[in-house]
Amino acid sequence: MRTETTDSGYARLSCRVSARIKHQAEEAAALLGQSITDFTESALADKAASVIERHERITLSDRDFARFVAAIEEPESPTEALKAAVSAYRRQVKFPTASGL
C-alpha cells in the first residue's frame, strides 16, 4: 500500500483488492448514488473509527465493574513488595520520597 499527500490536505491511497471486492464496492457505491472514491473513503473512515474505538474502550462485566469501583473506593494497603518496588523506582529516577509508601 502506498500513500501520497497533496497540498489540499487529501492523500492518495493506492492498494490492490480482489476483483470480487472491487465489484462489490462499485455495486454498493452505485446503490448509494456515490462515486467509488466517495464510497471507499466513507467505508474506510467508518472501519478505521470502529477499530480505533474498540481498541480504546475497556468493557467490563457488571461483576468486574463492581470490583473496580470497590478497589477505587476502598483500596487495599500497599504490600511490602509494592513498597520496595516504589522505593527502588524512586531511587532510580531520583524522585523525592513520599510519606505513606
Protein backbone atom coordinates (compact mmCIF):
# COMPACT_ATOMS: atom_id res chain seq x y z
CA MET A 1 0.00 0.00 0.00
CA ARG A 2 1.28 3.45 -0.88
CA THR A 3 0.15 6.88 0.38
CA GLU A 4 0.85 10.28 -1.16
CA THR A 5 -0.23 13.59 0.42
CA THR A 6 -1.23 16.62 -1.65
CA ASP A 7 -1.24 20.31 -0.75
CA SER A 8 -5.04 20.26 -0.50
CA GLY A 9 -4.97 18.10 2.64
CA TYR A 10 -6.02 14.99 0.79
CA ALA A 11 -3.83 11.91 0.44
CA ARG A 12 -3.83 9.39 -2.37
CA LEU A 13 -4.09 5.80 -1.21
CA SER A 14 -3.09 3.09 -3.62
CA CYS A 15 -3.75 -0.58 -2.94
CA ARG A 16 -4.83 -3.72 -4.75
CA VAL A 17 -8.05 -5.55 -3.93
CA SER A 18 -9.58 -8.67 -5.39
CA ALA A 19 -11.84 -8.28 -8.41
CA ARG A 20 -14.75 -9.57 -6.28
CA ILE A 21 -14.27 -6.87 -3.63
CA LYS A 22 -13.89 -4.16 -6.28
CA HIS A 23 -17.11 -5.28 -7.97
CA GLN A 24 -18.99 -5.33 -4.64
CA ALA A 25 -17.72 -1.86 -3.75
CA GLU A 26 -18.72 -0.48 -7.15
CA GLU A 27 -22.17 -2.06 -6.84
CA ALA A 28 -22.66 -0.72 -3.31
CA ALA A 29 -21.49 2.76 -4.36
CA ALA A 30 -23.96 2.75 -7.25
CA LEU A 31 -26.80 1.69 -4.95
CA LEU A 32 -25.99 4.66 -2.70
CA GLY A 33 -25.55 7.04 -5.62
CA GLN A 34 -21.90 7.61 -4.69
CA SER A 35 -18.70 7.52 -6.66
CA ILE A 36 -16.37 4.64 -5.87
CA THR A 37 -13.99 7.19 -4.33
CA ASP A 38 -16.67 8.61 -2.02
CA PHE A 39 -17.88 5.13 -1.08
CA THR A 40 -14.36 3.86 -0.42
CA GLU A 41 -13.45 6.91 1.67
CA SER A 42 -16.63 6.60 3.73
CA ALA A 43 -16.22 2.84 4.24
CA LEU A 44 -12.56 3.22 5.17
CA ALA A 45 -13.31 6.03 7.64
CA ASP A 46 -16.13 4.01 9.26
CA LYS A 47 -13.98 0.89 9.63
CA ALA A 48 -10.98 2.84 10.97
CA ALA A 49 -13.15 4.64 13.54
CA SER A 50 -14.69 1.33 14.62
CA VAL A 51 -11.33 -0.38 15.07
CA ILE A 52 -9.85 2.56 16.98
CA GLU A 53 -12.89 2.81 19.24
CA ARG A 54 -12.75 -0.92 20.03
CA HIS A 55 -9.10 -0.66 20.99
CA GLU A 56 -9.53 2.48 23.09
CA ARG A 57 -12.55 1.27 25.07
CA ILE A 58 -12.42 -1.03 28.06
CA THR A 59 -15.58 -3.07 28.54
CA LEU A 60 -16.20 -4.65 31.91
CA SER A 61 -18.82 -7.09 33.07
CA ASP A 62 -21.09 -5.90 35.91
CA ARG A 63 -19.05 -8.02 38.33
CA ASP A 64 -15.71 -6.59 37.16
CA PHE A 65 -17.07 -3.04 37.22
CA ALA A 66 -18.22 -3.51 40.81
CA ARG A 67 -14.78 -4.85 41.75
CA PHE A 68 -13.13 -1.88 40.02
CA VAL A 69 -15.31 0.63 41.89
CA ALA A 70 -14.69 -1.16 45.20
CA ALA A 71 -10.92 -1.06 44.60
CA ILE A 72 -11.07 2.70 43.99
CA GLU A 73 -13.36 3.44 46.92
CA GLU A 74 -11.57 1.18 49.39
CA PRO A 75 -8.05 0.49 48.15
CA GLU A 76 -6.02 -2.18 49.90
CA SER A 77 -2.91 -1.17 51.79
CA PRO A 78 0.29 -1.49 49.75
CA THR A 79 2.17 -4.74 50.24
CA GLU A 80 5.81 -4.82 51.31
CA ALA A 81 6.76 -5.87 47.78
CA LEU A 82 4.95 -2.85 46.33
CA LYS A 83 6.60 -0.52 48.85
CA ALA A 84 10.01 -1.94 47.91
CA ALA A 85 9.27 -1.56 44.19
CA VAL A 86 8.22 2.09 44.67
CA SER A 87 11.36 2.80 46.70
CA ALA A 88 13.57 1.20 44.05
CA TYR A 89 11.83 3.16 41.31
CA ARG A 90 12.21 6.45 43.18
CA ARG A 91 15.92 5.80 43.71
CA GLN A 92 16.32 5.00 40.03
CA VAL A 93 14.57 8.17 38.78
CA LYS A 94 15.62 10.28 41.76
CA PHE A 95 12.08 11.08 42.91
CA PRO A 96 11.70 12.61 46.36
CA THR A 97 10.24 10.11 48.79
CA ALA A 98 6.60 10.50 49.74
CA SER A 99 5.17 9.64 53.10
CA GLY A 100 2.86 6.69 53.24
CA LEU A 101 4.69 4.32 50.91
